[in-house]
Amino acid sequence: MKIRNMIFAAWCACCVMSVAAQDCEISLTIAKAAQKEELPSQVQEILGNRLAAAVAGQGSVANSNFTPFFITAKTNTLYKETLSGPPVSTALTVQLTLYIGDAVGQKVFSTLTVDAKGVGTNINRAYINAFRAINGNNVKIQEFIREGKEKIISWYNSNLYLANLHTSFLCNLIYPTFSRILLYSC
């Protein structure tokens, strides 16, 4: 009885995966990139939210759970200055490099570099204002995400066996027995 239930569960999972592949729903993990200059946690959270909103706006799913594919942003502060005046402000120019890639296969599918400027009453506010450049309505960002999705789909189409191993790897983290059945029954 137990084996029959597991086989049925594997069959259901295969059906769900094939439906998701037909709709091209790609799930991307919001990954934290190593930075030269460590960003405050509040700023990192807002950067992750901006990335998630841009990805969701293009029909993909962004989450913090581990999936084989990721989106991340690496920041490089090009210019930082404290402006004097009655309200002391901080101005900065940040180079944002966005990546969509494969965490397991260690491949980058798409990159985009954007220069963003921000001014705020403190350094956090300046970073937050600079990150407004990550907007789902921005044509460059839409093209970046579309290109990443197309390359992921192309990768799946040309590497079906490896795609099953990706699925097996993820399922193995959660359901070790289930992933073995899933790998061999699909």
N, C-alpha and C. Protein backbone atom coordinates (compact mmCIF):
# COMPACT_ATOMS: atom_id res chain seq x y z
N MET A 1 0.83 -1.19 0.00
CA MET A 1 0.00 0.00 0.00
C MET A 1 0.87 1.26 0.00
N LYS A 2 1.94 1.21 0.80
CA LYS A 2 2.83 2.36 0.90
C LYS A 2 3.51 2.65 -0.43
N ILE A 3 3.96 1.61 -1.11
CA ILE A 3 4.64 1.77 -2.39
C ILE A 3 3.67 2.33 -3.43
N ARG A 4 2.43 1.85 -3.41
CA ARG A 4 1.43 2.34 -4.36
C ARG A 4 1.18 3.83 -4.15
N ASN A 5 1.11 4.26 -2.90
CA ASN A 5 0.91 5.68 -2.61
C ASN A 5 2.10 6.51 -3.08
N MET A 6 3.30 5.98 -2.89
CA MET A 6 4.50 6.71 -3.32
C MET A 6 4.56 6.81 -4.84
N ILE A 7 4.18 5.74 -5.53
CA ILE A 7 4.16 5.77 -7.00
C ILE A 7 3.11 6.76 -7.48
N PHE A 8 1.96 6.76 -6.83
CA PHE A 8 0.91 7.71 -7.20
C PHE A 8 1.39 9.14 -6.96
N ALA A 9 2.07 9.39 -5.85
CA ALA A 9 2.59 10.72 -5.55
C ALA A 9 3.63 11.14 -6.60
N ALA A 10 4.48 10.21 -7.01
CA ALA A 10 5.48 10.50 -8.04
C ALA A 10 4.80 10.82 -9.37
N TRP A 11 3.77 10.08 -9.71
CA TRP A 11 3.03 10.34 -10.94
C TRP A 11 2.39 11.72 -10.90
N CYS A 12 1.80 12.08 -9.76
CA CYS A 12 1.20 13.42 -9.60
C CYS A 12 2.25 14.51 -9.75
N ALA A 13 3.41 14.27 -9.17
CA ALA A 13 4.49 15.26 -9.26
C ALA A 13 4.94 15.43 -10.71
N CYS A 14 5.01 14.32 -11.45
CA CYS A 14 5.38 14.41 -12.87
C CYS A 14 4.35 15.22 -13.65
N CYS A 15 3.09 15.00 -13.33
CA CYS A 15 2.03 15.77 -14.01
C CYS A 15 2.16 17.25 -13.69
N VAL A 16 2.40 17.56 -12.43
CA VAL A 16 2.55 18.96 -12.03
C VAL A 16 3.75 19.58 -12.71
N MET A 17 4.87 18.84 -12.78
CA MET A 17 6.08 19.37 -13.42
C MET A 17 5.85 19.60 -14.91
N SER A 18 5.13 18.70 -15.57
CA SER A 18 4.91 18.88 -16.99
C SER A 18 3.98 20.06 -17.25
N VAL A 19 3.00 20.28 -16.38
CA VAL A 19 2.13 21.45 -16.52
C VAL A 19 2.93 22.72 -16.30
N ALA A 20 3.79 22.74 -15.29
CA ALA A 20 4.61 23.93 -15.03
C ALA A 20 5.56 24.19 -16.18
N ALA A 21 6.11 23.14 -16.79
CA ALA A 21 7.02 23.33 -17.92
C ALA A 21 6.27 23.88 -19.13
N GLN A 22 5.02 23.45 -19.33
CA GLN A 22 4.25 23.96 -20.46
C GLN A 22 3.93 25.44 -20.27
N ASP A 23 3.67 25.85 -19.05
CA ASP A 23 3.38 27.25 -18.78
C ASP A 23 4.66 28.07 -18.62
N CYS A 24 5.80 27.41 -18.62
CA CYS A 24 7.10 28.05 -18.46
C CYS A 24 7.19 28.84 -17.17
N GLU A 25 6.63 28.31 -16.12
CA GLU A 25 6.76 28.96 -14.82
C GLU A 25 8.11 28.57 -14.25
N ILE A 26 8.96 29.55 -14.11
CA ILE A 26 10.31 29.31 -13.62
C ILE A 26 10.43 29.96 -12.26
N SER A 27 10.88 29.19 -11.31
CA SER A 27 11.06 29.70 -9.96
C SER A 27 12.51 30.09 -9.75
N LEU A 28 12.74 31.32 -9.31
CA LEU A 28 14.09 31.83 -9.07
C LEU A 28 14.26 32.14 -7.59
N THR A 29 15.36 31.70 -7.03
CA THR A 29 15.71 32.03 -5.66
C THR A 29 16.31 33.44 -5.64
N ILE A 30 15.91 34.24 -4.68
CA ILE A 30 16.53 35.54 -4.49
C ILE A 30 17.78 35.28 -3.65
N ALA A 31 18.94 35.35 -4.29
CA ALA A 31 20.20 35.02 -3.62
C ALA A 31 20.93 36.29 -3.20
N LYS A 32 21.61 36.20 -2.09
CA LYS A 32 22.43 37.31 -1.59
C LYS A 32 23.82 37.14 -2.17
N ALA A 33 24.27 38.14 -2.91
CA ALA A 33 25.60 38.08 -3.53
C ALA A 33 26.65 38.62 -2.56
N ALA A 34 27.85 38.09 -2.67
CA ALA A 34 28.96 38.62 -1.88
C ALA A 34 29.28 40.02 -2.38
N GLN A 35 29.38 40.96 -1.48
CA GLN A 35 29.60 42.36 -1.84
C GLN A 35 30.98 42.80 -1.36
N LYS A 36 31.58 43.74 -2.09
CA LYS A 36 32.84 44.33 -1.62
C LYS A 36 32.59 45.10 -0.34
N GLU A 37 31.53 45.87 -0.35
CA GLU A 37 31.15 46.68 0.80
C GLU A 37 29.82 46.13 1.31
N GLU A 38 29.81 45.61 2.52
CA GLU A 38 28.62 44.97 3.08
C GLU A 38 27.48 45.99 3.22
N LEU A 39 26.32 45.61 2.69
CA LEU A 39 25.14 46.47 2.79
C LEU A 39 24.41 46.18 4.09
N PRO A 40 23.79 47.19 4.69
CA PRO A 40 22.98 46.96 5.89
C PRO A 40 21.83 45.99 5.58
N SER A 41 21.40 45.25 6.58
CA SER A 41 20.37 44.22 6.36
C SER A 41 19.07 44.81 5.82
N GLN A 42 18.68 46.00 6.28
CA GLN A 42 17.45 46.64 5.78
C GLN A 42 17.58 46.92 4.28
N VAL A 43 18.73 47.37 3.86
CA VAL A 43 18.97 47.67 2.45
C VAL A 43 18.98 46.39 1.63
N GLN A 44 19.59 45.32 2.16
CA GLN A 44 19.60 44.03 1.46
C GLN A 44 18.18 43.49 1.28
N GLU A 45 17.37 43.65 2.29
CA GLU A 45 15.98 43.18 2.22
C GLU A 45 15.21 43.94 1.14
N ILE A 46 15.40 45.24 1.08
CA ILE A 46 14.70 46.04 0.07
C ILE A 46 15.21 45.69 -1.33
N LEU A 47 16.50 45.45 -1.47
CA LEU A 47 17.05 45.03 -2.76
C LEU A 47 16.42 43.71 -3.19
N GLY A 48 16.31 42.76 -2.26
CA GLY A 48 15.66 41.48 -2.57
C GLY A 48 14.20 41.66 -2.96
N ASN A 49 13.49 42.56 -2.28
CA ASN A 49 12.09 42.83 -2.62
C ASN A 49 11.96 43.43 -4.01
N ARG A 50 12.88 44.33 -4.37
CA ARG A 50 12.85 44.94 -5.70
C ARG A 50 13.09 43.87 -6.78
N LEU A 51 14.03 42.96 -6.53
CA LEU A 51 14.29 41.88 -7.48
C LEU A 51 13.07 40.97 -7.61
N ALA A 52 12.45 40.63 -6.47
CA ALA A 52 11.27 39.76 -6.48
C ALA A 52 10.13 40.41 -7.27
N ALA A 53 9.92 41.70 -7.07
CA ALA A 53 8.85 42.40 -7.79
C ALA A 53 9.13 42.43 -9.29
N ALA A 54 10.37 42.65 -9.68
CA ALA A 54 10.71 42.68 -11.11
C ALA A 54 10.50 41.30 -11.74
N VAL A 55 10.89 40.24 -11.04
CA VAL A 55 10.73 38.88 -11.56
C VAL A 55 9.25 38.52 -11.64
N ALA A 56 8.49 38.83 -10.61
CA ALA A 56 7.06 38.52 -10.60
C ALA A 56 6.33 39.28 -11.70
N GLY A 57 6.78 40.47 -11.99
CA GLY A 57 6.17 41.26 -13.05
C GLY A 57 6.36 40.65 -14.43
N GLN A 58 7.32 39.75 -14.57
CA GLN A 58 7.59 39.09 -15.84
C GLN A 58 7.05 37.66 -15.89
N GLY A 59 6.18 37.31 -14.94
CA GLY A 59 5.52 36.01 -14.98
C GLY A 59 6.29 34.86 -14.37
N SER A 60 7.37 35.13 -13.69
CA SER A 60 8.11 34.07 -13.00
C SER A 60 7.80 34.14 -11.52
N VAL A 61 8.31 33.18 -10.78
CA VAL A 61 8.10 33.13 -9.34
C VAL A 61 9.43 33.41 -8.66
N ALA A 62 9.43 34.33 -7.72
CA ALA A 62 10.64 34.64 -6.95
C ALA A 62 10.37 34.26 -5.50
N ASN A 63 11.29 33.54 -4.90
CA ASN A 63 11.10 33.16 -3.50
C ASN A 63 12.45 33.04 -2.81
N SER A 64 12.39 32.83 -1.50
CA SER A 64 13.62 32.70 -0.72
C SER A 64 13.99 31.25 -0.49
N ASN A 65 13.16 30.30 -0.93
CA ASN A 65 13.49 28.88 -0.82
C ASN A 65 14.52 28.53 -1.88
N PHE A 66 15.28 27.47 -1.64
CA PHE A 66 16.31 27.09 -2.59
C PHE A 66 15.70 26.44 -3.82
N THR A 67 16.02 26.97 -4.97
CA THR A 67 15.71 26.37 -6.26
C THR A 67 17.03 26.37 -7.03
N PRO A 68 17.15 25.57 -8.08
CA PRO A 68 18.43 25.54 -8.77
C PRO A 68 18.77 26.85 -9.48
N PHE A 69 17.77 27.64 -9.80
CA PHE A 69 18.02 28.88 -10.54
C PHE A 69 17.85 30.08 -9.61
N PHE A 70 18.69 31.08 -9.81
CA PHE A 70 18.69 32.22 -8.89
C PHE A 70 18.74 33.53 -9.65
N ILE A 71 18.37 34.58 -8.95
CA ILE A 71 18.59 35.95 -9.40
C ILE A 71 19.27 36.67 -8.25
N THR A 72 20.24 37.48 -8.57
CA THR A 72 20.97 38.20 -7.52
C THR A 72 21.46 39.53 -8.08
N ALA A 73 21.82 40.40 -7.20
CA ALA A 73 22.38 41.70 -7.59
C ALA A 73 23.66 41.94 -6.80
N LYS A 74 24.68 42.32 -7.50
CA LYS A 74 25.94 42.67 -6.88
C LYS A 74 26.09 44.18 -7.00
N THR A 75 26.43 44.83 -5.90
CA THR A 75 26.54 46.29 -5.90
C THR A 75 28.01 46.71 -5.80
N ASN A 76 28.30 47.78 -6.48
CA ASN A 76 29.63 48.37 -6.41
C ASN A 76 29.42 49.88 -6.29
N THR A 77 29.78 50.45 -5.15
CA THR A 77 29.59 51.88 -4.94
C THR A 77 30.70 52.63 -5.68
N LEU A 78 30.30 53.39 -6.69
CA LEU A 78 31.25 54.13 -7.51
C LEU A 78 31.58 55.50 -6.92
N TYR A 79 30.58 56.10 -6.27
CA TYR A 79 30.74 57.47 -5.79
C TYR A 79 29.90 57.62 -4.53
N LYS A 80 30.48 58.22 -3.51
CA LYS A 80 29.74 58.48 -2.27
C LYS A 80 30.24 59.81 -1.70
N GLU A 81 29.29 60.68 -1.38
CA GLU A 81 29.66 61.98 -0.85
C GLU A 81 28.60 62.43 0.15
N THR A 82 29.07 63.08 1.20
CA THR A 82 28.16 63.69 2.17
C THR A 82 27.98 65.15 1.78
N LEU A 83 26.75 65.53 1.57
CA LEU A 83 26.42 66.89 1.15
C LEU A 83 26.06 67.73 2.37
N SER A 84 26.68 68.87 2.49
CA SER A 84 26.38 69.74 3.63
C SER A 84 25.13 70.55 3.34
N GLY A 85 24.51 71.01 4.37
CA GLY A 85 23.30 71.81 4.26
C GLY A 85 22.49 71.62 5.52
N PRO A 86 21.41 72.35 5.63
CA PRO A 86 20.58 72.18 6.83
C PRO A 86 20.17 70.73 7.04
N PRO A 87 19.64 70.06 6.02
CA PRO A 87 19.56 68.61 6.20
C PRO A 87 20.79 67.99 5.54
N VAL A 88 21.66 67.41 6.31
CA VAL A 88 22.85 66.75 5.76
C VAL A 88 22.37 65.54 4.97
N SER A 89 22.85 65.41 3.74
CA SER A 89 22.42 64.32 2.85
C SER A 89 23.63 63.52 2.38
N THR A 90 23.34 62.31 1.94
CA THR A 90 24.36 61.46 1.35
C THR A 90 23.95 61.19 -0.09
N ALA A 91 24.88 61.40 -1.01
CA ALA A 91 24.64 61.12 -2.42
C ALA A 91 25.58 59.99 -2.83
N LEU A 92 25.06 59.07 -3.64
CA LEU A 92 25.92 57.99 -4.12
C LEU A 92 25.49 57.53 -5.49
N THR A 93 26.44 56.96 -6.18
CA THR A 93 26.20 56.30 -7.46
C THR A 93 26.62 54.85 -7.28
N VAL A 94 25.72 53.96 -7.60
CA VAL A 94 25.93 52.53 -7.41
C VAL A 94 25.84 51.83 -8.75
N GLN A 95 26.78 50.94 -9.00
CA GLN A 95 26.70 50.08 -10.18
C GLN A 95 26.07 48.77 -9.73
N LEU A 96 24.89 48.47 -10.25
CA LEU A 96 24.18 47.23 -9.93
C LEU A 96 24.38 46.25 -11.07
N THR A 97 24.91 45.10 -10.76
CA THR A 97 25.05 44.04 -11.76
C THR A 97 24.09 42.93 -11.36
N LEU A 98 23.12 42.67 -12.22
CA LEU A 98 22.10 41.65 -11.97
C LEU A 98 22.49 40.38 -12.70
N TYR A 99 22.26 39.25 -12.05
CA TYR A 99 22.60 37.94 -12.62
C TYR A 99 21.40 37.00 -12.49
N ILE A 100 21.16 36.21 -13.52
CA ILE A 100 20.27 35.05 -13.44
C ILE A 100 21.14 33.86 -13.78
N GLY A 101 21.13 32.84 -12.92
CA GLY A 101 22.02 31.72 -13.16
C GLY A 101 21.53 30.42 -12.56
N ASP A 102 22.38 29.42 -12.69
CA ASP A 102 22.14 28.07 -12.20
C ASP A 102 23.10 27.82 -11.03
N ALA A 103 22.55 27.69 -9.83
CA ALA A 103 23.38 27.51 -8.64
C ALA A 103 24.05 26.14 -8.62
N VAL A 104 23.38 25.12 -9.11
CA VAL A 104 23.92 23.77 -9.07
C VAL A 104 25.00 23.59 -10.15
N GLY A 105 24.70 24.00 -11.37
CA GLY A 105 25.64 23.87 -12.47
C GLY A 105 26.64 25.01 -12.56
N GLN A 106 26.48 26.02 -11.71
CA GLN A 106 27.35 27.19 -11.64
C GLN A 106 27.53 27.85 -13.01
N LYS A 107 26.38 28.20 -13.62
CA LYS A 107 26.36 28.89 -14.90
C LYS A 107 25.56 30.18 -14.75
N VAL A 108 25.96 31.19 -15.49
CA VAL A 108 25.22 32.45 -15.54
C VAL A 108 24.51 32.49 -16.88
N PHE A 109 23.19 32.71 -16.85
CA PHE A 109 22.38 32.74 -18.06
C PHE A 109 22.18 34.15 -18.60
N SER A 110 22.13 35.13 -17.73
CA SER A 110 21.85 36.49 -18.16
C SER A 110 22.45 37.47 -17.17
N THR A 111 22.97 38.58 -17.69
CA THR A 111 23.51 39.64 -16.82
C THR A 111 23.05 40.98 -17.35
N LEU A 112 22.99 41.94 -16.44
CA LEU A 112 22.65 43.32 -16.78
C LEU A 112 23.35 44.22 -15.78
N THR A 113 23.97 45.27 -16.27
CA THR A 113 24.61 46.25 -15.40
C THR A 113 23.87 47.57 -15.55
N VAL A 114 23.50 48.15 -14.41
CA VAL A 114 22.76 49.40 -14.37
C VAL A 114 23.45 50.34 -13.40
N ASP A 115 23.67 51.57 -13.81
CA ASP A 115 24.17 52.60 -12.89
C ASP A 115 22.97 53.30 -12.29
N ALA A 116 22.96 53.43 -10.97
CA ALA A 116 21.84 54.03 -10.27
C ALA A 116 22.35 55.08 -9.30
N LYS A 117 21.61 56.17 -9.18
CA LYS A 117 21.97 57.25 -8.27
C LYS A 117 20.91 57.38 -7.19
N GLY A 118 21.37 57.69 -5.99
CA GLY A 118 20.45 57.88 -4.88
C GLY A 118 20.95 58.95 -3.93
N VAL A 119 20.00 59.69 -3.39
CA VAL A 119 20.31 60.71 -2.39
C VAL A 119 19.35 60.49 -1.24
N GLY A 120 19.87 60.58 -0.02
CA GLY A 120 19.03 60.40 1.15
C GLY A 120 19.60 61.07 2.37
N THR A 121 18.81 61.11 3.42
CA THR A 121 19.25 61.76 4.66
C THR A 121 20.32 60.94 5.38
N ASN A 122 20.46 59.66 5.00
CA ASN A 122 21.54 58.81 5.52
C ASN A 122 21.93 57.82 4.43
N ILE A 123 22.93 57.02 4.69
CA ILE A 123 23.44 56.10 3.67
C ILE A 123 22.40 55.05 3.28
N ASN A 124 21.62 54.56 4.25
CA ASN A 124 20.58 53.58 3.94
C ASN A 124 19.54 54.15 2.98
N ARG A 125 19.09 55.38 3.26
CA ARG A 125 18.09 56.05 2.40
C ARG A 125 18.66 56.26 1.01
N ALA A 126 19.93 56.60 0.91
CA ALA A 126 20.56 56.82 -0.40
C ALA A 126 20.57 55.51 -1.19
N TYR A 127 20.94 54.38 -0.55
CA TYR A 127 20.92 53.08 -1.23
C TYR A 127 19.50 52.72 -1.66
N ILE A 128 18.54 52.89 -0.77
CA ILE A 128 17.15 52.55 -1.08
C ILE A 128 16.67 53.35 -2.28
N ASN A 129 16.98 54.64 -2.32
CA ASN A 129 16.58 55.47 -3.45
C ASN A 129 17.29 55.05 -4.73
N ALA A 130 18.53 54.61 -4.62
CA ALA A 130 19.26 54.14 -5.80
C ALA A 130 18.64 52.85 -6.33
N PHE A 131 18.17 51.98 -5.45
CA PHE A 131 17.61 50.70 -5.86
C PHE A 131 16.27 50.83 -6.56
N ARG A 132 15.72 52.02 -6.59
CA ARG A 132 14.48 52.24 -7.35
C ARG A 132 14.70 52.03 -8.84
N ALA A 133 15.96 51.99 -9.25
CA ALA A 133 16.28 51.72 -10.66
C ALA A 133 15.87 50.30 -11.05
N ILE A 134 15.76 49.41 -10.06
CA ILE A 134 15.29 48.04 -10.34
C ILE A 134 13.77 48.09 -10.34
N ASN A 135 13.24 48.24 -11.54
CA ASN A 135 11.81 48.42 -11.71
C ASN A 135 11.34 47.45 -12.78
N GLY A 136 10.30 46.71 -12.50
CA GLY A 136 9.78 45.74 -13.46
C GLY A 136 9.30 46.36 -14.75
N ASN A 137 9.03 47.66 -14.75
CA ASN A 137 8.58 48.34 -15.96
C ASN A 137 9.74 48.82 -16.83
N ASN A 138 10.95 48.75 -16.32
CA ASN A 138 12.14 49.15 -17.06
C ASN A 138 12.37 48.15 -18.20
N VAL A 139 12.48 48.66 -19.43
CA VAL A 139 12.61 47.79 -20.60
C VAL A 139 13.88 46.94 -20.53
N LYS A 140 14.99 47.50 -20.05
CA LYS A 140 16.24 46.74 -19.95
C LYS A 140 16.09 45.57 -18.97
N ILE A 141 15.40 45.81 -17.87
CA ILE A 141 15.21 44.74 -16.87
C ILE A 141 14.25 43.68 -17.40
N GLN A 142 13.21 44.10 -18.12
CA GLN A 142 12.30 43.14 -18.73
C GLN A 142 13.05 42.24 -19.71
N GLU A 143 13.91 42.84 -20.54
CA GLU A 143 14.69 42.08 -21.51
C GLU A 143 15.67 41.13 -20.80
N PHE A 144 16.29 41.60 -19.72
CA PHE A 144 17.21 40.78 -18.93
C PHE A 144 16.50 39.54 -18.38
N ILE A 145 15.33 39.72 -17.81
CA ILE A 145 14.58 38.59 -17.24
C ILE A 145 14.08 37.66 -18.34
N ARG A 146 13.59 38.23 -19.44
CA ARG A 146 13.11 37.42 -20.55
C ARG A 146 14.25 36.57 -21.13
N GLU A 147 15.42 37.18 -21.29
CA GLU A 147 16.58 36.45 -21.80
C GLU A 147 16.98 35.32 -20.85
N GLY A 148 16.97 35.59 -19.55
CA GLY A 148 17.29 34.56 -18.56
C GLY A 148 16.31 33.41 -18.61
N LYS A 149 15.00 33.72 -18.72
CA LYS A 149 13.98 32.67 -18.81
C LYS A 149 14.16 31.83 -20.06
N GLU A 150 14.42 32.50 -21.19
CA GLU A 150 14.60 31.76 -22.44
C GLU A 150 15.80 30.82 -22.37
N LYS A 151 16.88 31.28 -21.77
CA LYS A 151 18.08 30.43 -21.66
C LYS A 151 17.85 29.28 -20.70
N ILE A 152 17.07 29.50 -19.64
CA ILE A 152 16.75 28.41 -18.71
C ILE A 152 15.89 27.37 -19.42
N ILE A 153 14.89 27.82 -20.17
CA ILE A 153 14.02 26.89 -20.90
C ILE A 153 14.84 26.13 -21.94
N SER A 154 15.73 26.83 -22.64
CA SER A 154 16.60 26.18 -23.62
C SER A 154 17.50 25.15 -22.94
N TRP A 155 18.01 25.50 -21.76
CA TRP A 155 18.85 24.57 -21.01
C TRP A 155 18.05 23.31 -20.66
N TYR A 156 16.80 23.51 -20.17
CA TYR A 156 15.95 22.36 -19.84
C TYR A 156 15.69 21.50 -21.08
N ASN A 157 15.41 22.14 -22.22
CA ASN A 157 15.11 21.39 -23.44
C ASN A 157 16.31 20.58 -23.93
N SER A 158 17.51 21.11 -23.78
CA SER A 158 18.69 20.40 -24.28
C SER A 158 19.33 19.48 -23.25
N ASN A 159 18.96 19.61 -21.99
CA ASN A 159 19.56 18.80 -20.92
C ASN A 159 18.48 18.16 -20.06
N LEU A 160 17.59 17.42 -20.69
CA LEU A 160 16.47 16.84 -19.94
C LEU A 160 16.94 15.95 -18.80
N TYR A 161 17.98 15.16 -19.04
CA TYR A 161 18.49 14.28 -17.98
C TYR A 161 19.01 15.11 -16.81
N LEU A 162 19.79 16.16 -17.11
CA LEU A 162 20.31 17.02 -16.04
C LEU A 162 19.18 17.76 -15.33
N ALA A 163 18.14 18.12 -16.08
CA ALA A 163 16.99 18.79 -15.46
C ALA A 163 16.34 17.88 -14.44
N ASN A 164 16.26 16.57 -14.77
CA ASN A 164 15.72 15.62 -13.80
C ASN A 164 16.64 15.49 -12.60
N LEU A 165 17.96 15.58 -12.84
CA LEU A 165 18.89 15.53 -11.70
C LEU A 165 18.73 16.77 -10.81
N HIS A 166 18.50 17.93 -11.42
CA HIS A 166 18.23 19.14 -10.63
C HIS A 166 17.02 18.91 -9.74
N THR A 167 15.94 18.38 -10.36
CA THR A 167 14.73 18.11 -9.60
C THR A 167 15.02 17.10 -8.51
N SER A 168 15.78 16.05 -8.87
CA SER A 168 16.13 15.02 -7.89
C SER A 168 16.94 15.61 -6.75
N PHE A 169 17.89 16.48 -7.07
CA PHE A 169 18.73 17.11 -6.05
C PHE A 169 17.87 17.88 -5.05
N LEU A 170 16.93 18.67 -5.56
CA LEU A 170 16.09 19.47 -4.68
C LEU A 170 15.17 18.60 -3.85
N CYS A 171 14.54 17.62 -4.50
CA CYS A 171 13.64 16.73 -3.77
C CYS A 171 14.40 15.92 -2.74
N ASN A 172 15.65 15.58 -3.06
CA ASN A 172 16.46 14.78 -2.15
C ASN A 172 16.75 15.53 -0.85
N LEU A 173 16.79 16.85 -0.94
CA LEU A 173 16.98 17.64 0.27
C LEU A 173 15.80 17.50 1.22
N ILE A 174 14.61 17.34 0.63
CA ILE A 174 13.39 17.32 1.43
C ILE A 174 12.85 15.89 1.61
N TYR A 175 12.73 15.15 0.49
CA TYR A 175 12.15 13.82 0.51
C TYR A 175 13.11 12.84 -0.18
N PRO A 176 14.08 12.28 0.54
CA PRO A 176 15.09 11.44 -0.10
C PRO A 176 14.52 10.26 -0.88
N THR A 177 13.55 9.53 -0.34
CA THR A 177 13.00 8.36 -1.03
C THR A 177 12.16 8.81 -2.22
N PHE A 178 11.39 9.85 -2.05
CA PHE A 178 10.51 10.35 -3.09
C PHE A 178 11.30 10.75 -4.33
N SER A 179 12.44 11.38 -4.16
CA SER A 179 13.20 11.86 -5.32
C SER A 179 13.73 10.69 -6.15
N ARG A 180 14.09 9.60 -5.52
CA ARG A 180 14.58 8.46 -6.29
C ARG A 180 13.46 7.88 -7.14
N ILE A 181 12.27 7.79 -6.58
CA ILE A 181 11.13 7.30 -7.34
C ILE A 181 10.80 8.29 -8.46
N LEU A 182 10.84 9.56 -8.15
CA LEU A 182 10.53 10.60 -9.14
C LEU A 182 11.52 10.56 -10.29
N LEU A 183 12.78 10.37 -10.00
CA LEU A 183 13.82 10.36 -11.02
C LEU A 183 13.60 9.20 -11.99
N TYR A 184 13.23 8.05 -11.48
CA TYR A 184 13.12 6.87 -12.33
C TYR A 184 11.73 6.71 -12.94
N SER A 185 10.72 7.35 -12.41
CA SER A 185 9.38 7.13 -12.94
C SER A 185 8.97 8.16 -13.98
N CYS A 186 9.69 9.27 -14.10
CA CYS A 186 9.28 10.32 -15.05
C CYS A 186 9.79 10.03 -16.43
